[in-house]
Amino acid sequence: MAPLFKLANPIRFDKKTKIGQVRGVDAFVHWTVFLVAAVILAGVLRRPGLTLLGLAAYWGVLLVHETGHLIAAQRLGCQVFSIELYPIFGITRFGTPWSRLDHCKIAWAGVLAQAVVAVPLVAWVAVFGYTRFEALNMLFAILGFFSLGVAIFNLLPAPPLDGATAWGIFPALLAQRRSRDTNPRKYR
């Protein structure tokens, strides 16, 4: 099995820069991501380290989401071609799933991956509050609260958001159940 994340060596800047691999799948960052980072850093000269950490956490939210899609697609037998990160969204490119239900599962996987990271962080802050460390608090805010908000927003049933596909899981499960009820021997 391929390592979870492997950095590209060397990194060659291009329109889409390969930054590494996630579970053996090439991960790219669009040039506009670097442009946005440069603009943000230029405007925040007072605390560039904290700003870089915030940017990394933000892109981590995108990468966690897309990695969720990648893992689900691979587990469902779909070939995954790439992950691409843009300034405000990501794309996981994969082959056509076997069924509508599989496509819905892949759509849900991105949101669930975010929840796996975000919910414990939100719970920590709810129970213990924020810390006295500004950098850690920023990670709680971005990887926790912000990520959870983005995940919920992404479930709106409107293309190109995942919710346009994800909510189809209920009709797909119902159709699968009806198929089992009308053809019980096929599923034993």
N, C-alpha and C. Protein backbone atom coordinates (compact mmCIF):
# COMPACT_ATOMS: atom_id res chain seq x y z
N MET A 1 0.85 -1.18 0.00
CA MET A 1 0.00 0.00 0.00
C MET A 1 0.89 1.25 0.00
N ALA A 2 0.51 2.21 -0.77
CA ALA A 2 1.26 3.47 -0.87
C ALA A 2 1.15 4.24 0.44
N PRO A 3 2.17 5.05 0.79
CA PRO A 3 2.07 5.86 2.02
C PRO A 3 0.93 6.87 1.89
N LEU A 4 0.41 7.30 3.04
CA LEU A 4 -0.70 8.25 3.01
C LEU A 4 -0.33 9.52 2.25
N PHE A 5 0.83 10.09 2.55
CA PHE A 5 1.24 11.30 1.85
C PHE A 5 2.74 11.26 1.59
N LYS A 6 3.11 11.57 0.37
CA LYS A 6 4.51 11.60 -0.02
C LYS A 6 4.75 12.92 -0.76
N LEU A 7 5.70 13.72 -0.28
CA LEU A 7 6.01 15.00 -0.93
C LEU A 7 6.75 14.77 -2.24
N ALA A 8 6.46 15.64 -3.22
CA ALA A 8 7.18 15.61 -4.48
C ALA A 8 8.60 16.11 -4.25
N ASN A 9 9.55 15.49 -4.92
CA ASN A 9 10.94 15.91 -4.78
C ASN A 9 11.62 15.82 -6.13
N PRO A 10 11.96 16.89 -6.75
CA PRO A 10 11.74 18.28 -6.36
C PRO A 10 10.35 18.75 -6.80
N ILE A 11 9.93 19.88 -6.24
CA ILE A 11 8.67 20.50 -6.65
C ILE A 11 8.98 21.46 -7.79
N ARG A 12 8.33 21.25 -8.92
CA ARG A 12 8.52 22.11 -10.10
C ARG A 12 7.24 22.93 -10.30
N PHE A 13 7.38 24.24 -10.21
CA PHE A 13 6.21 25.11 -10.32
C PHE A 13 5.73 25.19 -11.76
N ASP A 14 4.41 25.04 -11.92
CA ASP A 14 3.77 25.06 -13.23
C ASP A 14 2.34 25.54 -13.03
N LYS A 15 1.53 25.49 -14.09
CA LYS A 15 0.13 25.89 -13.97
C LYS A 15 -0.55 25.10 -12.85
N LYS A 16 -0.34 23.80 -12.83
CA LYS A 16 -0.74 22.94 -11.72
C LYS A 16 0.54 22.27 -11.23
N THR A 17 0.95 22.59 -10.03
CA THR A 17 2.19 22.10 -9.45
C THR A 17 1.93 20.82 -8.67
N LYS A 18 2.65 19.78 -9.00
CA LYS A 18 2.54 18.53 -8.25
C LYS A 18 3.27 18.72 -6.93
N ILE A 19 2.50 18.59 -5.83
CA ILE A 19 3.10 18.75 -4.51
C ILE A 19 3.42 17.42 -3.85
N GLY A 20 2.89 16.35 -4.42
CA GLY A 20 3.15 15.04 -3.86
C GLY A 20 2.10 14.04 -4.28
N GLN A 21 1.99 12.99 -3.47
CA GLN A 21 0.99 11.96 -3.71
C GLN A 21 0.24 11.67 -2.41
N VAL A 22 -1.04 11.39 -2.55
CA VAL A 22 -1.87 10.95 -1.44
C VAL A 22 -2.34 9.55 -1.79
N ARG A 23 -1.94 8.56 -0.99
CA ARG A 23 -2.26 7.16 -1.25
C ARG A 23 -1.95 6.76 -2.70
N GLY A 24 -0.81 7.21 -3.19
CA GLY A 24 -0.36 6.84 -4.52
C GLY A 24 -0.97 7.65 -5.65
N VAL A 25 -1.79 8.65 -5.34
CA VAL A 25 -2.46 9.48 -6.34
C VAL A 25 -1.81 10.86 -6.35
N ASP A 26 -1.48 11.36 -7.54
CA ASP A 26 -0.84 12.67 -7.65
C ASP A 26 -1.75 13.77 -7.12
N ALA A 27 -1.16 14.67 -6.32
CA ALA A 27 -1.87 15.82 -5.77
C ALA A 27 -1.25 17.09 -6.35
N PHE A 28 -2.10 17.95 -6.88
CA PHE A 28 -1.66 19.17 -7.54
C PHE A 28 -2.23 20.40 -6.85
N VAL A 29 -1.49 21.50 -6.93
CA VAL A 29 -1.96 22.79 -6.46
C VAL A 29 -1.93 23.75 -7.64
N HIS A 30 -3.05 24.40 -7.89
CA HIS A 30 -3.15 25.36 -8.99
C HIS A 30 -2.31 26.59 -8.66
N TRP A 31 -1.77 27.26 -9.67
CA TRP A 31 -0.89 28.41 -9.47
C TRP A 31 -1.56 29.53 -8.69
N THR A 32 -2.89 29.63 -8.77
CA THR A 32 -3.59 30.70 -8.07
C THR A 32 -3.51 30.54 -6.56
N VAL A 33 -3.30 29.33 -6.08
CA VAL A 33 -3.14 29.10 -4.65
C VAL A 33 -1.89 29.83 -4.15
N PHE A 34 -0.80 29.73 -4.91
CA PHE A 34 0.44 30.41 -4.53
C PHE A 34 0.27 31.93 -4.63
N LEU A 35 -0.48 32.39 -5.63
CA LEU A 35 -0.73 33.82 -5.78
C LEU A 35 -1.50 34.36 -4.58
N VAL A 36 -2.56 33.66 -4.19
CA VAL A 36 -3.36 34.09 -3.05
C VAL A 36 -2.50 34.10 -1.78
N ALA A 37 -1.66 33.09 -1.60
CA ALA A 37 -0.78 33.03 -0.43
C ALA A 37 0.18 34.21 -0.41
N ALA A 38 0.73 34.55 -1.56
CA ALA A 38 1.68 35.67 -1.64
C ALA A 38 0.98 36.98 -1.29
N VAL A 39 -0.23 37.18 -1.80
CA VAL A 39 -0.98 38.41 -1.52
C VAL A 39 -1.31 38.50 -0.03
N ILE A 40 -1.73 37.39 0.54
CA ILE A 40 -2.07 37.39 1.97
C ILE A 40 -0.82 37.66 2.81
N LEU A 41 0.28 37.01 2.47
CA LEU A 41 1.52 37.21 3.23
C LEU A 41 2.05 38.63 3.10
N ALA A 42 1.89 39.22 1.92
CA ALA A 42 2.35 40.60 1.71
C ALA A 42 1.56 41.58 2.58
N GLY A 43 0.30 41.26 2.82
CA GLY A 43 -0.54 42.15 3.61
C GLY A 43 -0.41 41.93 5.11
N VAL A 44 0.28 40.89 5.51
CA VAL A 44 0.38 40.56 6.93
C VAL A 44 1.85 40.37 7.30
N LEU A 45 2.60 41.42 7.19
CA LEU A 45 4.03 41.33 7.47
C LEU A 45 4.32 41.24 8.95
N ARG A 46 3.37 41.63 9.78
CA ARG A 46 3.59 41.63 11.22
C ARG A 46 3.74 40.22 11.80
N ARG A 47 2.98 39.26 11.29
CA ARG A 47 3.00 37.89 11.82
C ARG A 47 2.98 36.88 10.69
N PRO A 48 4.02 36.81 9.89
CA PRO A 48 4.02 35.90 8.74
C PRO A 48 3.97 34.43 9.13
N GLY A 49 4.57 34.05 10.23
CA GLY A 49 4.55 32.65 10.67
C GLY A 49 3.15 32.18 10.99
N LEU A 50 2.42 33.00 11.74
CA LEU A 50 1.04 32.68 12.09
C LEU A 50 0.16 32.65 10.84
N THR A 51 0.42 33.57 9.93
CA THR A 51 -0.34 33.60 8.68
C THR A 51 -0.07 32.35 7.86
N LEU A 52 1.18 31.94 7.76
CA LEU A 52 1.51 30.70 7.02
C LEU A 52 0.84 29.49 7.66
N LEU A 53 0.82 29.43 8.98
CA LEU A 53 0.15 28.33 9.67
C LEU A 53 -1.34 28.33 9.35
N GLY A 54 -1.95 29.51 9.34
CA GLY A 54 -3.37 29.62 9.00
C GLY A 54 -3.65 29.17 7.58
N LEU A 55 -2.80 29.60 6.64
CA LEU A 55 -2.97 29.17 5.25
C LEU A 55 -2.81 27.66 5.12
N ALA A 56 -1.81 27.10 5.80
CA ALA A 56 -1.60 25.65 5.75
C ALA A 56 -2.81 24.90 6.33
N ALA A 57 -3.38 25.42 7.41
CA ALA A 57 -4.56 24.79 8.00
C ALA A 57 -5.75 24.87 7.05
N TYR A 58 -5.92 26.02 6.41
CA TYR A 58 -7.01 26.17 5.45
C TYR A 58 -6.88 25.17 4.31
N TRP A 59 -5.67 25.08 3.74
CA TRP A 59 -5.46 24.12 2.65
C TRP A 59 -5.54 22.69 3.16
N GLY A 60 -5.22 22.49 4.43
CA GLY A 60 -5.40 21.18 5.05
C GLY A 60 -6.87 20.77 5.06
N VAL A 61 -7.76 21.73 5.31
CA VAL A 61 -9.20 21.45 5.27
C VAL A 61 -9.58 20.93 3.88
N LEU A 62 -9.10 21.62 2.85
CA LEU A 62 -9.40 21.19 1.47
C LEU A 62 -8.82 19.81 1.19
N LEU A 63 -7.58 19.59 1.62
CA LEU A 63 -6.91 18.32 1.35
C LEU A 63 -7.57 17.16 2.11
N VAL A 64 -7.97 17.38 3.36
CA VAL A 64 -8.66 16.34 4.13
C VAL A 64 -9.96 15.96 3.41
N HIS A 65 -10.71 16.96 2.96
CA HIS A 65 -11.97 16.70 2.25
C HIS A 65 -11.73 15.86 0.99
N GLU A 66 -10.77 16.28 0.19
CA GLU A 66 -10.50 15.57 -1.07
C GLU A 66 -9.93 14.18 -0.80
N THR A 67 -9.16 14.03 0.28
CA THR A 67 -8.63 12.71 0.63
C THR A 67 -9.77 11.77 1.03
N GLY A 68 -10.80 12.30 1.66
CA GLY A 68 -11.99 11.49 1.96
C GLY A 68 -12.61 10.93 0.70
N HIS A 69 -12.77 11.77 -0.32
CA HIS A 69 -13.29 11.29 -1.61
C HIS A 69 -12.37 10.22 -2.19
N LEU A 70 -11.06 10.47 -2.14
CA LEU A 70 -10.08 9.55 -2.71
C LEU A 70 -10.17 8.18 -2.05
N ILE A 71 -10.19 8.14 -0.73
CA ILE A 71 -10.22 6.86 0.00
C ILE A 71 -11.50 6.10 -0.32
N ALA A 72 -12.63 6.78 -0.32
CA ALA A 72 -13.91 6.11 -0.64
C ALA A 72 -13.91 5.59 -2.06
N ALA A 73 -13.44 6.39 -3.00
CA ALA A 73 -13.42 5.95 -4.40
C ALA A 73 -12.53 4.72 -4.56
N GLN A 74 -11.34 4.75 -3.93
CA GLN A 74 -10.45 3.59 -4.03
C GLN A 74 -11.08 2.36 -3.39
N ARG A 75 -11.72 2.51 -2.26
CA ARG A 75 -12.36 1.36 -1.59
C ARG A 75 -13.52 0.80 -2.38
N LEU A 76 -14.15 1.64 -3.18
CA LEU A 76 -15.27 1.19 -4.00
C LEU A 76 -14.82 0.72 -5.38
N GLY A 77 -13.51 0.64 -5.57
CA GLY A 77 -12.96 0.08 -6.81
C GLY A 77 -12.84 1.05 -7.97
N CYS A 78 -12.96 2.34 -7.71
CA CYS A 78 -12.81 3.34 -8.77
C CYS A 78 -11.34 3.73 -8.89
N GLN A 79 -10.90 3.93 -10.10
CA GLN A 79 -9.55 4.45 -10.29
C GLN A 79 -9.58 5.94 -9.98
N VAL A 80 -8.61 6.40 -9.20
CA VAL A 80 -8.51 7.82 -8.86
C VAL A 80 -7.33 8.38 -9.62
N PHE A 81 -7.58 9.45 -10.36
CA PHE A 81 -6.56 10.01 -11.24
C PHE A 81 -5.74 11.11 -10.58
N SER A 82 -6.40 11.99 -9.83
CA SER A 82 -5.66 13.09 -9.21
C SER A 82 -6.52 13.81 -8.18
N ILE A 83 -5.82 14.59 -7.36
CA ILE A 83 -6.45 15.57 -6.47
C ILE A 83 -5.90 16.92 -6.90
N GLU A 84 -6.79 17.89 -7.05
CA GLU A 84 -6.37 19.25 -7.42
C GLU A 84 -6.92 20.22 -6.40
N LEU A 85 -6.05 21.09 -5.90
CA LEU A 85 -6.47 22.11 -4.94
C LEU A 85 -6.43 23.48 -5.60
N TYR A 86 -7.50 24.24 -5.41
CA TYR A 86 -7.64 25.60 -5.91
C TYR A 86 -7.83 26.50 -4.69
N PRO A 87 -7.86 27.83 -4.85
CA PRO A 87 -7.95 28.70 -3.67
C PRO A 87 -9.15 28.44 -2.75
N ILE A 88 -10.32 28.11 -3.30
CA ILE A 88 -11.48 27.93 -2.42
C ILE A 88 -12.19 26.58 -2.59
N PHE A 89 -11.61 25.67 -3.35
CA PHE A 89 -12.22 24.36 -3.50
C PHE A 89 -11.18 23.36 -3.97
N GLY A 90 -11.55 22.10 -3.99
CA GLY A 90 -10.69 21.05 -4.50
C GLY A 90 -11.49 20.12 -5.40
N ILE A 91 -10.79 19.32 -6.17
CA ILE A 91 -11.42 18.35 -7.06
C ILE A 91 -10.66 17.04 -6.93
N THR A 92 -11.39 15.96 -6.73
CA THR A 92 -10.81 14.63 -6.82
C THR A 92 -11.35 14.02 -8.11
N ARG A 93 -10.44 13.71 -9.01
CA ARG A 93 -10.83 13.14 -10.31
C ARG A 93 -10.74 11.62 -10.21
N PHE A 94 -11.88 10.95 -10.46
CA PHE A 94 -11.92 9.49 -10.36
C PHE A 94 -12.82 8.93 -11.46
N GLY A 95 -12.63 7.63 -11.72
CA GLY A 95 -13.43 6.95 -12.74
C GLY A 95 -14.89 6.83 -12.30
N THR A 96 -15.72 6.45 -13.23
CA THR A 96 -17.16 6.33 -12.96
C THR A 96 -17.42 5.21 -11.96
N PRO A 97 -18.15 5.51 -10.88
CA PRO A 97 -18.47 4.47 -9.89
C PRO A 97 -19.40 3.41 -10.50
N TRP A 98 -19.46 2.27 -9.83
CA TRP A 98 -20.28 1.16 -10.32
C TRP A 98 -21.77 1.47 -10.27
N SER A 99 -22.17 2.29 -9.31
CA SER A 99 -23.60 2.55 -9.14
C SER A 99 -23.82 3.97 -8.62
N ARG A 100 -25.08 4.36 -8.66
CA ARG A 100 -25.45 5.66 -8.10
C ARG A 100 -25.15 5.69 -6.61
N LEU A 101 -25.40 4.57 -5.94
CA LEU A 101 -25.14 4.48 -4.51
C LEU A 101 -23.65 4.70 -4.21
N ASP A 102 -22.79 4.08 -5.00
CA ASP A 102 -21.35 4.26 -4.81
C ASP A 102 -20.95 5.72 -5.01
N HIS A 103 -21.54 6.37 -6.02
CA HIS A 103 -21.24 7.78 -6.27
C HIS A 103 -21.66 8.64 -5.07
N CYS A 104 -22.80 8.32 -4.49
CA CYS A 104 -23.28 9.05 -3.31
C CYS A 104 -22.34 8.84 -2.12
N LYS A 105 -21.87 7.61 -1.94
CA LYS A 105 -20.94 7.32 -0.85
C LYS A 105 -19.65 8.12 -1.00
N ILE A 106 -19.16 8.21 -2.22
CA ILE A 106 -17.94 8.98 -2.48
C ILE A 106 -18.17 10.46 -2.17
N ALA A 107 -19.35 10.97 -2.53
CA ALA A 107 -19.67 12.38 -2.23
C ALA A 107 -19.71 12.62 -0.72
N TRP A 108 -20.31 11.70 0.03
CA TRP A 108 -20.39 11.84 1.48
C TRP A 108 -19.02 11.73 2.14
N ALA A 109 -18.12 10.99 1.55
CA ALA A 109 -16.83 10.70 2.19
C ALA A 109 -16.00 11.96 2.45
N GLY A 110 -16.06 12.94 1.58
CA GLY A 110 -15.32 14.18 1.80
C GLY A 110 -15.81 14.90 3.04
N VAL A 111 -17.11 15.00 3.18
CA VAL A 111 -17.71 15.66 4.33
C VAL A 111 -17.41 14.88 5.61
N LEU A 112 -17.50 13.57 5.54
CA LEU A 112 -17.23 12.74 6.73
C LEU A 112 -15.77 12.84 7.14
N ALA A 113 -14.86 12.92 6.18
CA ALA A 113 -13.43 13.08 6.51
C ALA A 113 -13.22 14.40 7.26
N GLN A 114 -13.88 15.45 6.81
CA GLN A 114 -13.78 16.73 7.52
C GLN A 114 -14.34 16.60 8.93
N ALA A 115 -15.46 15.91 9.06
CA ALA A 115 -16.08 15.76 10.38
C ALA A 115 -15.19 14.98 11.33
N VAL A 116 -14.48 13.97 10.82
CA VAL A 116 -13.58 13.17 11.67
C VAL A 116 -12.50 14.05 12.28
N VAL A 117 -12.04 15.05 11.54
CA VAL A 117 -11.03 15.98 12.05
C VAL A 117 -11.69 17.08 12.88
N ALA A 118 -12.78 17.65 12.39
CA ALA A 118 -13.37 18.85 13.00
C ALA A 118 -14.10 18.58 14.31
N VAL A 119 -14.89 17.53 14.37
CA VAL A 119 -15.73 17.30 15.55
C VAL A 119 -14.91 17.16 16.84
N PRO A 120 -13.82 16.38 16.87
CA PRO A 120 -13.04 16.33 18.12
C PRO A 120 -12.46 17.69 18.52
N LEU A 121 -12.07 18.50 17.53
CA LEU A 121 -11.52 19.82 17.85
C LEU A 121 -12.60 20.75 18.41
N VAL A 122 -13.77 20.71 17.81
CA VAL A 122 -14.89 21.52 18.30
C VAL A 122 -15.29 21.04 19.70
N ALA A 123 -15.31 19.73 19.89
CA ALA A 123 -15.65 19.18 21.21
C ALA A 123 -14.62 19.61 22.26
N TRP A 124 -13.35 19.61 21.90
CA TRP A 124 -12.29 20.04 22.83
C TRP A 124 -12.56 21.48 23.30
N VAL A 125 -12.83 22.36 22.34
CA VAL A 125 -13.07 23.77 22.68
C VAL A 125 -14.35 23.89 23.51
N ALA A 126 -15.37 23.11 23.18
CA ALA A 126 -16.63 23.17 23.94
C ALA A 126 -16.43 22.72 25.38
N VAL A 127 -15.56 21.73 25.60
CA VAL A 127 -15.34 21.20 26.95
C VAL A 127 -14.29 22.01 27.71
N PHE A 128 -13.16 22.26 27.08
CA PHE A 128 -12.02 22.87 27.77
C PHE A 128 -11.80 24.35 27.45
N GLY A 129 -12.43 24.84 26.39
CA GLY A 129 -12.21 26.22 25.97
C GLY A 129 -10.94 26.34 25.15
N TYR A 130 -10.67 27.56 24.74
CA TYR A 130 -9.46 27.82 23.97
C TYR A 130 -8.25 27.83 24.90
N THR A 131 -7.07 27.70 24.32
CA THR A 131 -5.83 27.68 25.09
C THR A 131 -5.24 29.09 25.16
N ARG A 132 -4.10 29.23 25.81
CA ARG A 132 -3.41 30.53 25.84
C ARG A 132 -2.46 30.67 24.66
N PHE A 133 -2.42 29.67 23.77
CA PHE A 133 -1.53 29.68 22.61
C PHE A 133 -2.30 30.08 21.36
N GLU A 134 -1.96 31.23 20.82
CA GLU A 134 -2.68 31.78 19.67
C GLU A 134 -2.65 30.84 18.46
N ALA A 135 -1.50 30.25 18.18
CA ALA A 135 -1.38 29.36 17.02
C ALA A 135 -2.29 28.14 17.18
N LEU A 136 -2.34 27.56 18.35
CA LEU A 136 -3.19 26.40 18.59
C LEU A 136 -4.66 26.77 18.49
N ASN A 137 -5.01 27.94 19.01
CA ASN A 137 -6.40 28.40 18.91
C ASN A 137 -6.82 28.60 17.46
N MET A 138 -5.88 29.09 16.64
CA MET A 138 -6.18 29.27 15.23
C MET A 138 -6.44 27.91 14.56
N LEU A 139 -5.67 26.90 14.93
CA LEU A 139 -5.89 25.57 14.38
C LEU A 139 -7.25 25.02 14.82
N PHE A 140 -7.61 25.24 16.09
CA PHE A 140 -8.94 24.83 16.55
C PHE A 140 -10.02 25.51 15.71
N ALA A 141 -9.84 26.81 15.47
CA ALA A 141 -10.85 27.57 14.73
C ALA A 141 -10.95 27.12 13.27
N ILE A 142 -9.81 26.96 12.60
CA ILE A 142 -9.84 26.63 11.17
C ILE A 142 -10.15 25.16 10.92
N LEU A 143 -9.39 24.26 11.59
CA LEU A 143 -9.59 22.83 11.36
C LEU A 143 -10.84 22.30 12.07
N GLY A 144 -11.35 23.06 13.03
CA GLY A 144 -12.54 22.65 13.76
C GLY A 144 -13.79 23.36 13.25
N PHE A 145 -14.01 24.58 13.77
CA PHE A 145 -15.25 25.29 13.48
C PHE A 145 -15.42 25.64 12.00
N PHE A 146 -14.40 26.22 11.41
CA PHE A 146 -14.48 26.60 9.99
C PHE A 146 -14.71 25.37 9.12
N SER A 147 -13.94 24.31 9.36
CA SER A 147 -14.06 23.09 8.57
C SER A 147 -15.46 22.49 8.68
N LEU A 148 -16.01 22.47 9.87
CA LEU A 148 -17.35 21.94 10.07
C LEU A 148 -18.38 22.79 9.32
N GLY A 149 -18.21 24.11 9.36
CA GLY A 149 -19.10 25.00 8.61
C GLY A 149 -19.01 24.77 7.11
N VAL A 150 -17.79 24.59 6.61
CA VAL A 150 -17.60 24.33 5.18
C VAL A 150 -18.24 22.99 4.80
N ALA A 151 -18.09 21.99 5.65
CA ALA A 151 -18.67 20.68 5.38
C ALA A 151 -20.19 20.77 5.29
N ILE A 152 -20.79 21.49 6.21
CA ILE A 152 -22.25 21.65 6.20
C ILE A 152 -22.68 22.43 4.96
N PHE A 153 -21.98 23.51 4.64
CA PHE A 153 -22.29 24.27 3.43
C PHE A 153 -22.18 23.39 2.19
N ASN A 154 -21.17 22.54 2.15
CA ASN A 154 -20.94 21.68 0.99
C ASN A 154 -22.05 20.66 0.79
N LEU A 155 -22.89 20.46 1.80
CA LEU A 155 -24.01 19.53 1.68
C LEU A 155 -25.27 20.17 1.12
N LEU A 156 -25.20 21.46 0.77
CA LEU A 156 -26.35 22.07 0.09
C LEU A 156 -26.58 21.32 -1.21
N PRO A 157 -27.84 21.03 -1.55
CA PRO A 157 -28.12 20.22 -2.74
C PRO A 157 -28.08 21.02 -4.04
N ALA A 158 -26.95 21.65 -4.30
CA ALA A 158 -26.80 22.46 -5.51
C ALA A 158 -25.44 22.16 -6.15
N PRO A 159 -25.45 21.88 -7.46
CA PRO A 159 -24.15 21.67 -8.13
C PRO A 159 -23.33 22.96 -8.09
N PRO A 160 -22.07 22.90 -7.98
CA PRO A 160 -21.17 21.75 -8.00
C PRO A 160 -20.87 21.20 -6.61
N LEU A 161 -21.63 21.59 -5.59
CA LEU A 161 -21.38 21.11 -4.23
C LEU A 161 -21.68 19.62 -4.13
N ASP A 162 -21.05 18.96 -3.16
CA ASP A 162 -21.23 17.52 -2.99
C ASP A 162 -22.66 17.15 -2.64
N GLY A 163 -23.39 18.07 -2.00
CA GLY A 163 -24.77 17.79 -1.64
C GLY A 163 -25.65 17.47 -2.83
N ALA A 164 -25.30 17.98 -4.02
CA ALA A 164 -26.08 17.68 -5.22
C ALA A 164 -26.08 16.18 -5.52
N THR A 165 -25.00 15.50 -5.15
CA THR A 165 -24.90 14.05 -5.33
C THR A 165 -25.19 13.31 -4.04
N ALA A 166 -24.67 13.82 -2.93
CA ALA A 166 -24.71 13.09 -1.66
C ALA A 166 -26.13 12.75 -1.21
N TRP A 167 -27.05 13.69 -1.34
CA TRP A 167 -28.41 13.44 -0.85
C TRP A 167 -29.14 12.39 -1.68
N GLY A 168 -28.61 12.04 -2.83
CA GLY A 168 -29.18 10.95 -3.63
C GLY A 168 -29.00 9.59 -2.97
N ILE A 169 -28.28 9.55 -1.86
CA ILE A 169 -28.05 8.27 -1.18
C ILE A 169 -29.36 7.65 -0.68
N PHE A 170 -30.31 8.47 -0.28
CA PHE A 170 -31.55 7.93 0.24
C PHE A 170 -32.39 7.25 -0.84
N PRO A 171 -32.62 7.88 -2.00
CA PRO A 171 -33.32 7.16 -3.07
C PRO A 171 -32.52 5.93 -3.55
N ALA A 172 -31.19 6.02 -3.56
CA ALA A 172 -30.36 4.89 -4.01
C ALA A 172 -30.47 3.72 -3.04
N LEU A 173 -30.46 4.00 -1.74
CA LEU A 173 -30.62 2.93 -0.75
C LEU A 173 -32.02 2.31 -0.84
N LEU A 174 -33.02 3.14 -1.06
CA LEU A 174 -34.39 2.65 -1.20
C LEU A 174 -34.51 1.75 -2.44
N ALA A 175 -33.91 2.16 -3.54
CA ALA A 175 -33.93 1.36 -4.76
C ALA A 175 -33.21 0.03 -4.54
N GLN A 176 -32.09 0.07 -3.82
CA GLN A 176 -31.35 -1.17 -3.54
C GLN A 176 -32.20 -2.10 -2.68
N ARG A 177 -32.87 -1.55 -1.70
CA ARG A 177 -33.73 -2.37 -0.83
C ARG A 177 -34.88 -2.98 -1.61
N ARG A 178 -35.50 -2.19 -2.48
CA ARG A 178 -36.60 -2.71 -3.30
C ARG A 178 -36.11 -3.83 -4.21
N SER A 179 -34.92 -3.66 -4.74
CA SER A 179 -34.34 -4.68 -5.62
C SER A 179 -34.10 -5.97 -4.84
N ARG A 180 -33.65 -5.87 -3.60
CA ARG A 180 -33.45 -7.06 -2.77
C ARG A 180 -34.77 -7.73 -2.45
N ASP A 181 -35.81 -6.91 -2.19
CA ASP A 181 -37.12 -7.46 -1.85
C ASP A 181 -37.75 -8.20 -3.03
N THR A 182 -37.53 -7.72 -4.25
CA THR A 182 -38.13 -8.36 -5.43
C THR A 182 -37.27 -9.49 -5.98
N ASN A 183 -35.99 -9.55 -5.60
CA ASN A 183 -35.09 -10.58 -6.11
C ASN A 183 -34.21 -11.09 -4.96
N PRO A 184 -34.80 -11.78 -3.94
CA PRO A 184 -34.05 -12.14 -2.75
C PRO A 184 -32.93 -13.14 -2.99
N ARG A 185 -33.02 -14.02 -3.97
CA ARG A 185 -31.96 -15.02 -4.21
C ARG A 185 -30.66 -14.38 -4.68
N LYS A 186 -30.76 -13.31 -5.40
CA LYS A 186 -29.58 -12.64 -5.96
C LYS A 186 -28.67 -12.14 -4.84
N TYR A 187 -29.20 -11.83 -3.67
CA TYR A 187 -28.43 -11.19 -2.61
C TYR A 187 -28.07 -12.14 -1.47
N ARG A 188 -28.24 -13.42 -1.63
CA ARG A 188 -27.89 -14.35 -0.54
C ARG A 188 -26.55 -14.94 -0.72
